[in-house]
């Protein structure tokens, strides 16, 4: 079984990872080239109405294709190159059927008129001064919650234009480049933003409210860049402090991961009202996302655990840089075992690398794997294995995909004078072989358990009171009855 099939089989077996590992042909039959989105918001009724224009190239002949659209919104009309098409909305998807099959290689324009009260893509609140404060695509919310699109990380549009119409008064803040503001009949304004770089739905940040733009300057070996943050006027001082913290986080991570190429196109963040239950965006996490989420993207949902794991580990690198290695390792030792699984794994790999320079060079090489189609999890796993000189794929699958601590099972046999220690890994992945250090008083021995039982005997220091201390809570230990 090849690695891709292995990942798919793992994903299918574990409920929390039941993602669409293999995209449907209804998605893969076309490639998005451009998004043109125009929407009008009514804060009074908390409704949205708009048109999503999608220019795409047919990758395969197809009689239908699929978009993502939350069930709280309704498609009103769908056209292909201006001609009405039949469509069906099923839960959070929109299927469009064509009277004749699309021809491979041709470019088409699909338009979807839609409307509704978004339940999962918008936050409607008031700012501290009582004015309307709206966020579309707030952190943690899905893009299809407020507009129709192909929400697949492996298929980014080459560019995008976003137009938002609101009542005159509040500002429309977005993380694109503002092209113009147009006055509209009825005391409305139309704000037009442009995204010139490859963009997907998850990349958008959009807010409507009384915003003030604050700026910071970041310098690195490649140049001088401007960082921008739209903060509520009432939160301007907090916004300046937040932007300063993210600038510091970028500087720290550049020392560990190399220059941040995402700076070249300009970086803008937008303060958002928080959806219930969601924490405020952390500057370090936002900085880590620039490397592992923006520069280096997952090729598909099945590849996301590797990217998310690297992003988590970047946070540990930041902590080590500002507080020291001892503090970073203390975090891994003291936090609940189910947290920071990725950081525990990557830190272990780092400690096993032949030299600090090898690990540093490996981390700095990762952004070079970036491509518009994203990078696969198996590619990243293979890069780590090749550079570190051992097959670590089973380790990655156990900790990042299955996300379950392995258990070192053992029991004693033999005699009192000549005990025999029998051990194995209770793990979910074939080939999992994490070494373990056993201590017998002052003596220590390194064993390499596998999923089959192995024994340790014939050494004069082997006793029935072996000490096993998992580094950084990397696994659990359980003595089991002798068969």
Protein backbone atom coordinates (compact mmCIF):
# COMPACT_ATOMS: atom_id res chain seq x y z
CA UNK A 1 0.00 0.00 0.00
CA UNK A 2 1.46 3.38 -0.93
CA UNK A 3 1.63 6.24 1.56
CA UNK A 4 -1.29 8.19 0.08
CA UNK A 5 -3.58 5.16 0.37
CA UNK A 6 -2.32 4.53 3.88
CA UNK A 7 -3.22 8.08 4.92
CA UNK A 8 -6.66 7.75 3.38
CA UNK A 9 -7.25 4.48 5.22
CA UNK A 10 -6.17 6.06 8.51
CA UNK A 11 -8.42 9.06 7.95
CA UNK A 12 -11.38 6.83 7.18
CA UNK A 13 -10.94 4.84 10.40
CA UNK A 14 -10.77 7.75 12.83
CA UNK A 15 -13.92 9.81 13.36
CA UNK A 16 -12.19 13.14 14.23
CA UNK A 17 -10.27 12.87 10.97
CA UNK A 18 -13.21 11.96 8.76
CA UNK A 19 -12.40 14.57 6.16
CA UNK A 20 -12.77 14.26 2.44
CA UNK A 21 -9.38 12.67 1.81
CA UNK A 22 -10.03 12.15 -1.90
CA UNK A 23 -11.81 15.09 -3.55
CA UNK A 24 -14.94 14.26 -5.49
CA UNK A 25 -14.70 14.37 -9.31
CA UNK A 26 -17.29 17.14 -9.04
CA UNK A 27 -14.47 19.26 -7.57
CA UNK A 28 -11.49 17.99 -9.51
CA UNK A 29 -13.09 18.47 -12.93
CA UNK A 30 -12.37 22.21 -12.87
CA UNK A 31 -9.65 24.66 -11.86
CA UNK A 32 -10.59 28.08 -10.47
CA UNK A 33 -8.83 31.01 -12.15
CA UNK A 34 -10.63 34.05 -10.74
CA UNK A 35 -13.26 34.99 -8.18
CA UNK A 36 -15.40 38.10 -8.54
CA UNK A 37 -17.57 38.50 -5.45
CA UNK A 38 -20.07 41.31 -4.86
CA UNK A 39 -22.32 41.33 -1.80
CA UNK A 40 -24.64 43.72 -0.01
CA UNK A 41 -25.18 43.58 3.73
CA UNK A 42 -28.15 44.67 5.83
CA UNK A 43 -27.17 44.93 9.52
CA UNK A 44 -30.80 45.49 10.50
CA UNK A 45 -32.00 42.11 9.21
CA UNK A 46 -28.59 40.39 9.39
CA UNK A 47 -28.95 39.29 5.80
CA UNK A 48 -26.63 39.18 2.83
CA UNK A 49 -27.30 39.10 -0.91
CA UNK A 50 -24.74 38.89 -3.65
CA UNK A 51 -23.24 37.42 -6.78
CA UNK A 52 -20.25 35.09 -6.90
CA UNK A 53 -18.58 35.05 -10.32
CA UNK A 54 -16.16 32.17 -10.85
CA UNK A 55 -13.97 31.93 -13.92
CA UNK A 56 -12.58 28.43 -14.30
CA UNK A 57 -10.92 26.04 -16.72
CA UNK A 58 -12.41 22.61 -17.32
CA UNK A 59 -9.79 20.02 -16.37
CA UNK A 60 -11.95 17.10 -17.50
CA UNK A 61 -15.14 16.83 -19.55
CA UNK A 62 -17.96 17.17 -17.01
CA UNK A 63 -21.74 17.27 -16.99
CA UNK A 64 -21.86 18.88 -13.54
CA UNK A 65 -19.67 20.44 -10.88
CA UNK A 66 -19.93 21.26 -7.20
CA UNK A 67 -19.48 24.39 -5.11
CA UNK A 68 -19.64 24.92 -1.36
CA UNK A 69 -22.48 27.01 0.09
CA UNK A 70 -23.78 26.88 3.64
CA UNK A 71 -27.32 25.65 4.08
CA UNK A 72 -28.38 28.93 5.71
CA UNK A 73 -27.90 30.63 2.32
CA UNK A 74 -29.88 29.95 -0.84
CA UNK A 75 -28.77 30.03 -4.45
CA UNK A 76 -31.34 32.01 -6.41
CA UNK A 77 -30.00 31.75 -9.95
CA UNK A 78 -26.99 30.11 -11.63
CA UNK A 79 -25.68 30.92 -15.11
CA UNK A 80 -22.81 29.60 -17.23
CA UNK A 81 -21.49 32.16 -19.69
CA UNK A 82 -24.78 34.03 -19.25
CA UNK A 83 -27.09 31.05 -19.85
CA UNK A 84 -29.31 29.74 -17.01
CA UNK A 85 -28.30 26.37 -15.57
CA UNK A 86 -30.18 23.86 -13.46
CA UNK A 87 -28.83 23.38 -9.94
CA UNK A 88 -29.52 21.56 -6.70
CA UNK A 89 -28.57 22.60 -3.19
CA UNK A 90 -27.91 19.69 -0.83
CA UNK A 91 -27.04 20.68 2.73
CA UNK A 92 -23.79 22.69 2.39
CA UNK A 93 -23.12 21.99 -1.27
CA UNK A 94 -24.38 23.39 -4.56
CA UNK A 95 -24.39 21.14 -7.63
CA UNK A 96 -24.66 22.74 -11.04
CA UNK A 97 -25.72 20.65 -14.05
CA UNK A 98 -24.96 21.53 -17.67
CA UNK A 99 -27.01 20.68 -20.77
CA UNK A 100 -23.80 19.53 -22.49
CA UNK A 101 -20.53 18.33 -21.07
CA UNK A 102 -17.86 20.94 -20.47
CA UNK A 103 -14.98 20.65 -22.91
CA UNK A 104 -11.57 19.98 -21.43
CA UNK A 105 -9.24 22.99 -21.57
CA UNK A 106 -11.92 25.63 -22.22
CA UNK A 107 -12.50 28.56 -19.85
CA UNK A 108 -16.01 29.27 -18.56
CA UNK A 109 -17.63 31.81 -16.25
CA UNK A 110 -20.13 30.64 -13.66
CA UNK A 111 -22.29 33.15 -11.78
CA UNK A 112 -24.29 32.35 -8.65
CA UNK A 113 -26.85 34.78 -7.27
CA UNK A 114 -27.50 34.00 -3.62
CA UNK A 115 -29.10 35.45 -0.48
CA UNK A 116 -29.90 34.60 3.11
CA UNK A 117 -29.06 35.10 6.77
CA UNK A 118 -25.62 33.51 7.26
CA UNK A 119 -25.44 31.32 10.35
CA UNK A 120 -21.86 30.08 10.06
CA UNK A 121 -19.99 32.80 8.21
CA UNK A 122 -20.83 36.10 9.88
CA UNK A 123 -20.70 37.69 13.32
CA UNK A 124 -23.06 40.62 13.96
CA UNK A 125 -22.26 42.70 17.03
CA UNK A 126 -21.93 46.26 18.26
CA UNK A 127 -18.66 47.96 19.07
CA UNK A 128 -18.00 49.61 22.47
CA UNK A 129 -19.64 52.82 21.17
CA UNK A 130 -22.83 51.05 20.11
CA UNK A 131 -22.18 51.14 16.36
CA UNK A 132 -22.66 48.11 14.12
CA UNK A 133 -19.64 45.82 13.95
CA UNK A 134 -19.77 42.96 11.47
CA UNK A 135 -17.25 40.31 10.54
CA UNK A 136 -17.42 38.06 7.52
CA UNK A 137 -14.91 35.21 7.50
CA UNK A 138 -13.95 35.70 11.13
CA UNK A 139 -11.22 33.34 12.39
CA UNK A 140 -12.62 29.86 12.82
CA UNK A 141 -15.55 30.37 10.46
CA UNK A 142 -15.92 28.75 7.07
CA UNK A 143 -15.85 30.80 3.83
CA UNK A 144 -18.91 29.03 2.40
CA UNK A 145 -20.84 30.42 5.34
CA UNK A 146 -21.20 33.72 3.49
CA UNK A 147 -20.49 33.13 -0.21
CA UNK A 148 -20.46 30.33 -2.82
CA UNK A 149 -17.02 29.07 -3.82
CA UNK A 150 -14.88 26.01 -4.32
CA UNK A 151 -13.55 25.72 -0.80
CA UNK A 152 -10.62 23.43 -1.47
CA UNK A 153 -7.13 24.36 -0.19
CA UNK A 154 -5.46 22.84 -3.24
CA UNK A 155 -7.29 25.06 -5.73
CA UNK A 156 -6.58 28.76 -5.29
CA UNK A 157 -7.78 31.42 -7.66
CA UNK A 158 -4.98 33.33 -9.39
CA UNK A 159 -6.62 36.58 -8.30
CA UNK A 160 -9.85 37.99 -6.91
CA UNK A 161 -11.96 41.13 -6.79
CA UNK A 162 -14.21 41.76 -3.80
CA UNK A 163 -16.93 44.42 -3.72
CA UNK A 164 -18.99 45.09 -0.58
CA UNK A 165 -21.99 47.41 -0.48
CA UNK A 166 -23.09 48.85 2.86
CA UNK A 167 -24.95 51.89 4.15
CA UNK A 168 -22.72 54.97 4.17
CA UNK A 169 -21.03 55.47 7.53
CA UNK A 170 -19.00 52.43 8.60
CA UNK A 171 -15.76 51.44 6.92
CA UNK A 172 -15.25 48.19 5.06
CA UNK A 173 -11.88 46.76 6.11
CA UNK A 174 -10.36 43.85 4.18
CA UNK A 175 -6.94 42.32 3.78
CA UNK A 176 -6.74 43.06 0.06
CA UNK A 177 -5.72 46.24 -1.77
CA UNK A 178 -8.40 48.93 -1.78
CA UNK A 179 -9.08 50.01 -5.37
CA UNK A 180 -11.86 52.53 -4.89
CA UNK A 181 -14.92 53.61 -2.92
CA UNK A 182 -18.02 54.38 -4.99
CA UNK A 183 -21.10 56.30 -3.90
CA UNK A 184 -24.33 54.38 -4.62
CA UNK A 185 -27.99 55.45 -4.73
CA UNK A 186 -29.86 55.38 -1.44
CA UNK A 187 -26.89 56.53 0.66
CA UNK A 188 -24.88 53.34 0.08
CA UNK A 189 -21.18 52.92 -0.61
CA UNK A 190 -19.43 50.25 -2.63
CA UNK A 191 -15.97 49.28 -1.43
CA UNK A 192 -13.82 47.44 -3.99
CA UNK A 193 -10.77 45.40 -3.01
CA UNK A 194 -8.32 43.48 -5.18
CA UNK A 195 -6.30 40.35 -4.37
CA UNK A 196 -3.44 39.99 -6.86
CA UNK A 197 -1.85 36.84 -5.41
CA UNK A 198 -3.28 33.32 -5.40
CA UNK A 199 -6.19 33.35 -2.99
CA UNK A 200 -8.70 30.94 -1.47
CA UNK A 201 -11.74 31.49 0.67
CA UNK A 202 -9.84 30.93 3.91
CA UNK A 203 -7.48 33.80 3.04
CA UNK A 204 -10.13 36.53 3.21
CA UNK A 205 -10.62 38.76 6.24
CA UNK A 206 -13.44 41.25 6.08
CA UNK A 207 -14.99 43.57 8.66
CA UNK A 208 -17.53 46.40 8.63
CA UNK A 209 -17.37 48.99 11.38
CA UNK A 210 -15.64 52.08 12.73
CA UNK A 211 -12.12 51.02 11.80
CA UNK A 212 -8.78 52.81 12.03
CA UNK A 213 -5.75 51.55 10.10
CA UNK A 214 -2.54 51.20 12.13
CA UNK A 215 0.85 50.40 10.62
CA UNK A 216 4.19 48.87 11.64
CA UNK A 217 7.45 48.54 9.71
CA UNK A 218 9.28 45.22 9.58
CA UNK A 219 12.86 44.89 8.36
CA UNK A 220 14.70 41.74 7.45
CA UNK A 221 17.61 40.74 5.21
CA UNK A 222 15.43 41.01 2.10
CA UNK A 223 13.94 44.45 2.60
CA UNK A 224 11.56 46.72 4.48
CA UNK A 225 7.88 45.82 4.65
CA UNK A 226 4.72 47.39 6.00
CA UNK A 227 2.41 45.51 8.34
CA UNK A 228 -1.17 46.79 8.58
CA UNK A 229 -3.95 46.18 11.06
CA UNK A 230 -7.50 47.45 10.92
CA UNK A 231 -8.51 48.06 14.52
CA UNK A 232 -11.71 49.54 15.85
CA UNK A 233 -11.21 53.23 16.58
CA UNK A 234 -12.10 52.45 20.19
CA UNK A 235 -9.36 49.79 20.22
CA UNK A 236 -6.63 51.70 18.39
CA UNK A 237 -4.08 51.47 21.22
CA UNK A 238 -4.72 47.74 21.63
CA UNK A 239 -4.39 47.36 17.86
CA UNK A 240 -1.01 49.06 17.86
CA UNK A 241 0.16 46.75 20.66
CA UNK A 242 -1.16 43.65 18.82
CA UNK A 243 0.63 44.64 15.61
CA UNK A 244 3.83 45.19 17.57
CA UNK A 245 3.58 41.69 19.03
CA UNK A 246 3.07 40.07 15.64
CA UNK A 247 6.03 42.01 14.22
CA UNK A 248 8.15 40.64 17.06
CA UNK A 249 6.84 37.11 16.44
CA UNK A 250 7.71 37.35 12.75
CA UNK A 251 11.23 38.50 13.61
CA UNK A 252 11.72 35.62 16.03
CA UNK A 253 10.40 32.99 13.62
CA UNK A 254 12.52 34.35 10.76
CA UNK A 255 15.60 33.54 12.82
CA UNK A 256 14.36 29.96 13.13
CA UNK A 257 12.59 29.38 9.80
CA UNK A 258 14.19 31.83 7.38
CA UNK A 259 12.75 34.91 5.66
CA UNK A 260 8.98 35.21 5.42
CA UNK A 261 8.22 35.53 1.71
CA UNK A 262 4.56 36.30 2.49
CA UNK A 263 5.73 39.81 3.44
CA UNK A 264 6.38 40.65 -0.21
CA UNK A 265 2.72 40.99 -1.09
CA UNK A 266 1.91 42.99 2.03
CA UNK A 267 0.18 41.74 5.16
CA UNK A 268 -3.06 43.10 6.56
CA UNK A 269 -5.11 41.85 9.49
CA UNK A 270 -8.62 42.89 10.45
CA UNK A 271 -9.94 42.98 14.01
CA UNK A 272 -13.06 40.85 14.22
CA UNK A 273 -15.84 40.49 16.75
CA UNK A 274 -15.43 37.05 18.24
CA UNK A 275 -17.83 34.28 17.47
CA UNK A 276 -19.15 32.54 20.60
CA UNK A 277 -16.59 30.17 22.06
CA UNK A 278 -13.68 31.34 19.90
CA UNK A 279 -10.56 32.87 21.50
CA UNK A 280 -8.97 36.07 20.26
CA UNK A 281 -6.34 35.55 17.52
CA UNK A 282 -2.91 35.03 19.04
CA UNK A 283 -0.10 37.05 17.40
CA UNK A 284 2.32 34.11 17.55
CA UNK A 285 -0.20 31.76 15.93
CA UNK A 286 -0.93 34.34 13.25
CA UNK A 287 2.79 34.71 12.56
CA UNK A 288 3.27 30.92 12.41
CA UNK A 289 0.40 30.73 9.91
CA UNK A 290 2.44 32.85 7.49
CA UNK A 291 4.95 30.00 7.11
CA UNK A 292 2.64 27.02 7.59
CA UNK A 293 -0.69 27.95 6.09
CA UNK A 294 0.12 30.73 3.67
CA UNK A 295 3.62 30.12 2.29
CA UNK A 296 3.31 26.35 2.70
CA UNK A 297 -0.26 25.14 2.13
CA UNK A 298 -1.81 21.70 2.39
CA UNK A 299 -2.55 20.13 -0.97
CA UNK A 300 -5.78 18.62 0.38
CA UNK A 301 -7.60 18.16 3.70
CA UNK A 302 -5.80 14.82 4.08
CA UNK A 303 -2.51 16.75 4.17
CA UNK A 304 -3.62 19.36 6.68
CA UNK A 305 -2.35 17.54 9.82
CA UNK A 306 1.27 17.99 8.72
CA UNK A 307 0.84 21.72 8.06
CA UNK A 308 -1.10 22.25 11.29
CA UNK A 309 1.55 20.27 13.19
CA UNK A 310 4.36 22.42 11.85
CA UNK A 311 2.38 25.54 12.72
CA UNK A 312 1.98 24.33 16.30
CA UNK A 313 5.69 23.53 16.51
CA UNK A 314 6.55 27.05 15.29
CA UNK A 315 4.89 28.31 18.47
CA UNK A 316 7.24 26.14 20.53
CA UNK A 317 10.22 27.54 18.60
CA UNK A 318 9.03 31.03 19.46
CA UNK A 319 8.77 30.15 23.16
CA UNK A 320 12.27 28.69 23.13
CA UNK A 321 13.69 31.78 21.44
CA UNK A 322 12.19 34.25 23.91
CA UNK A 323 12.21 32.16 27.11
CA UNK A 324 14.82 29.46 26.61
CA UNK A 325 14.91 25.74 25.88
CA UNK A 326 14.19 24.80 29.49
CA UNK A 327 10.94 26.75 29.47
CA UNK A 328 9.87 25.19 26.15
CA UNK A 329 10.52 21.67 27.40
CA UNK A 330 8.72 22.46 30.66
CA UNK A 331 5.64 23.27 28.60
CA UNK A 332 5.76 19.83 26.99
CA UNK A 333 6.26 18.11 30.35
CA UNK A 334 3.52 19.92 32.25
CA UNK A 335 0.70 20.33 29.75
CA UNK A 336 -1.96 17.59 29.42
CA UNK A 337 -0.69 14.69 27.34
CA UNK A 338 -3.24 15.16 24.55
CA UNK A 339 -2.05 18.73 23.92
CA UNK A 340 0.96 19.69 21.81
CA UNK A 341 1.30 16.25 20.25
CA UNK A 342 2.92 17.77 17.17
CA UNK A 343 5.36 19.83 19.22
CA UNK A 344 6.33 16.77 21.26
CA UNK A 345 7.01 14.84 18.06
CA UNK A 346 9.00 17.53 16.24
CA UNK A 347 11.02 18.31 19.36
CA UNK A 348 11.88 14.61 19.66
CA UNK A 349 13.00 14.51 16.02
CA UNK A 350 15.12 17.56 16.62
CA UNK A 351 16.82 15.93 19.63
CA UNK A 352 17.52 12.84 17.50
CA UNK A 353 19.02 14.80 14.59
CA UNK A 354 22.76 14.44 14.12
CA UNK A 355 23.53 18.13 14.64
CA UNK A 356 21.66 21.40 15.30
CA UNK A 357 22.66 22.62 11.86
CA UNK A 358 20.91 19.65 10.23
CA UNK A 359 17.63 20.48 11.95
CA UNK A 360 17.94 24.19 11.23
CA UNK A 361 18.71 23.57 7.56
CA UNK A 362 15.75 21.20 7.31
CA UNK A 363 13.29 23.74 8.73
CA UNK A 364 14.60 26.51 6.49
CA UNK A 365 14.25 24.31 3.42
CA UNK A 366 10.53 23.63 3.90
CA UNK A 367 9.17 26.85 2.32
CA UNK A 368 10.95 25.88 -0.91
CA UNK A 369 8.41 23.07 -1.26
CA UNK A 370 5.62 25.63 -1.69
CA UNK A 371 3.55 25.56 -4.88
CA UNK A 372 0.14 26.92 -5.94
CA UNK A 373 -1.21 23.35 -5.68
CA UNK A 374 0.01 23.00 -2.12
CA UNK A 375 2.26 20.33 -0.65
CA UNK A 376 1.24 16.82 0.32
CA UNK A 377 1.66 15.33 3.74
CA UNK A 378 3.62 12.40 2.33
CA UNK A 379 6.07 14.79 0.65
CA UNK A 380 6.75 16.51 3.96
CA UNK A 381 7.08 13.21 5.83
CA UNK A 382 9.51 11.94 3.22
CA UNK A 383 11.60 15.12 3.40
CA UNK A 384 11.96 14.77 7.17
CA UNK A 385 12.79 11.07 6.84
CA UNK A 386 15.36 11.64 4.08
CA UNK A 387 17.07 14.55 5.79
CA UNK A 388 17.19 12.86 9.20
CA UNK A 389 18.20 9.45 7.86
CA UNK A 390 15.36 7.31 9.22
CA UNK A 391 11.84 6.38 8.19
CA UNK A 392 9.69 8.52 10.47
CA UNK A 393 6.49 8.14 8.49
CA UNK A 394 4.87 5.81 11.08
CA UNK A 395 5.67 8.35 13.80
CA UNK A 396 4.00 11.16 11.87
CA UNK A 397 0.90 9.07 11.22
CA UNK A 398 0.60 8.04 14.88
CA UNK A 399 0.99 11.52 16.37
CA UNK A 400 -0.40 13.83 13.70
CA UNK A 401 -3.06 11.78 11.91
CA UNK A 402 -4.29 9.28 14.47
CA UNK A 403 -3.48 11.80 17.24
CA UNK A 404 -3.31 9.18 19.94
CA UNK A 405 -0.51 8.49 22.39
CA UNK A 406 1.05 5.06 21.89
CA UNK A 407 1.20 2.79 24.92
CA UNK A 408 4.32 0.87 25.94
CA UNK A 409 2.99 -2.43 27.27
CA UNK A 410 5.24 -4.73 29.27
CA UNK A 411 5.28 -7.65 31.70
CA UNK A 412 7.88 -9.64 33.59
CA UNK A 413 8.66 -13.32 33.20
CA UNK A 414 11.56 -15.58 33.93
CA UNK A 415 12.76 -16.18 37.47
CA UNK A 416 13.38 -13.89 40.40
CA UNK A 417 17.13 -14.12 39.86
CA UNK A 418 16.95 -13.91 36.07
CA UNK A 419 13.91 -11.81 35.14
CA UNK A 420 12.84 -11.33 31.56
CA UNK A 421 11.19 -8.11 30.46
CA UNK A 422 8.74 -8.50 27.57
CA UNK A 423 7.50 -5.36 25.84
CA UNK A 424 5.77 -3.98 22.76
CA UNK A 425 4.12 -0.87 21.40
CA UNK A 426 0.36 -0.70 21.45
CA UNK A 427 0.18 1.66 18.48
CA UNK A 428 -2.09 2.21 15.51
CA UNK A 429 0.55 2.29 12.79
CA UNK A 430 2.67 -0.51 11.37
CA UNK A 431 6.37 0.22 11.68
CA UNK A 432 6.05 2.45 14.75
CA UNK A 433 9.38 2.00 16.55
CA UNK A 434 10.05 4.88 18.93
CA UNK A 435 13.12 4.04 21.06
CA UNK A 436 12.70 4.00 24.84
CA UNK A 437 15.31 4.36 27.57
CA UNK A 438 14.95 1.95 30.51
CA UNK A 439 16.77 2.53 33.78
CA UNK A 440 17.68 -0.19 36.24
CA UNK A 441 19.19 1.71 39.14
CA UNK A 442 22.34 3.35 37.79
CA UNK A 443 22.29 1.33 34.57
CA UNK A 444 20.33 2.28 31.47
CA UNK A 445 19.55 0.52 28.22
CA UNK A 446 17.91 1.67 25.01
CA UNK A 447 15.24 -0.59 23.59
CA UNK A 448 13.37 -0.24 20.30
CA UNK A 449 9.91 -1.73 20.81
CA UNK A 450 7.72 -2.69 17.88
CA UNK A 451 4.10 -3.80 17.66
CA UNK A 452 5.21 -7.42 18.17
CA UNK A 453 6.46 -8.62 21.55
CA UNK A 454 10.21 -8.46 22.21
CA UNK A 455 12.21 -9.47 25.28
CA UNK A 456 15.11 -8.13 27.30
CA UNK A 457 17.04 -10.67 29.36
CA UNK A 458 20.46 -12.05 30.10
CA UNK A 459 21.88 -8.85 31.56
CA UNK A 460 22.92 -8.79 35.17
CA UNK A 461 21.35 -5.42 35.85
CA UNK A 462 17.85 -6.34 34.60
CA UNK A 463 15.48 -6.30 37.57
CA UNK A 464 11.73 -6.21 38.07
CA UNK A 465 11.68 -2.52 38.84
CA UNK A 466 12.60 -0.86 35.57
CA UNK A 467 12.11 2.91 35.52
CA UNK A 468 10.45 4.24 32.38
CA UNK A 469 9.95 7.99 32.08
CA UNK A 470 8.44 9.12 28.77
CA UNK A 471 10.24 12.27 27.60
CA UNK A 472 7.81 15.16 27.22
CA UNK A 473 4.84 12.76 27.83
CA UNK A 474 5.45 11.19 24.45
CA UNK A 475 3.75 7.90 25.32
CA UNK A 476 1.93 6.06 28.08
CA UNK A 477 3.25 3.08 30.03
CA UNK A 478 1.16 0.12 31.16
CA UNK A 479 2.13 -3.12 32.86
CA UNK A 480 -0.11 -5.90 31.58
CA UNK A 481 -0.77 -9.41 32.93
CA UNK A 482 1.59 -12.10 31.81
CA UNK A 483 -0.16 -14.31 29.19
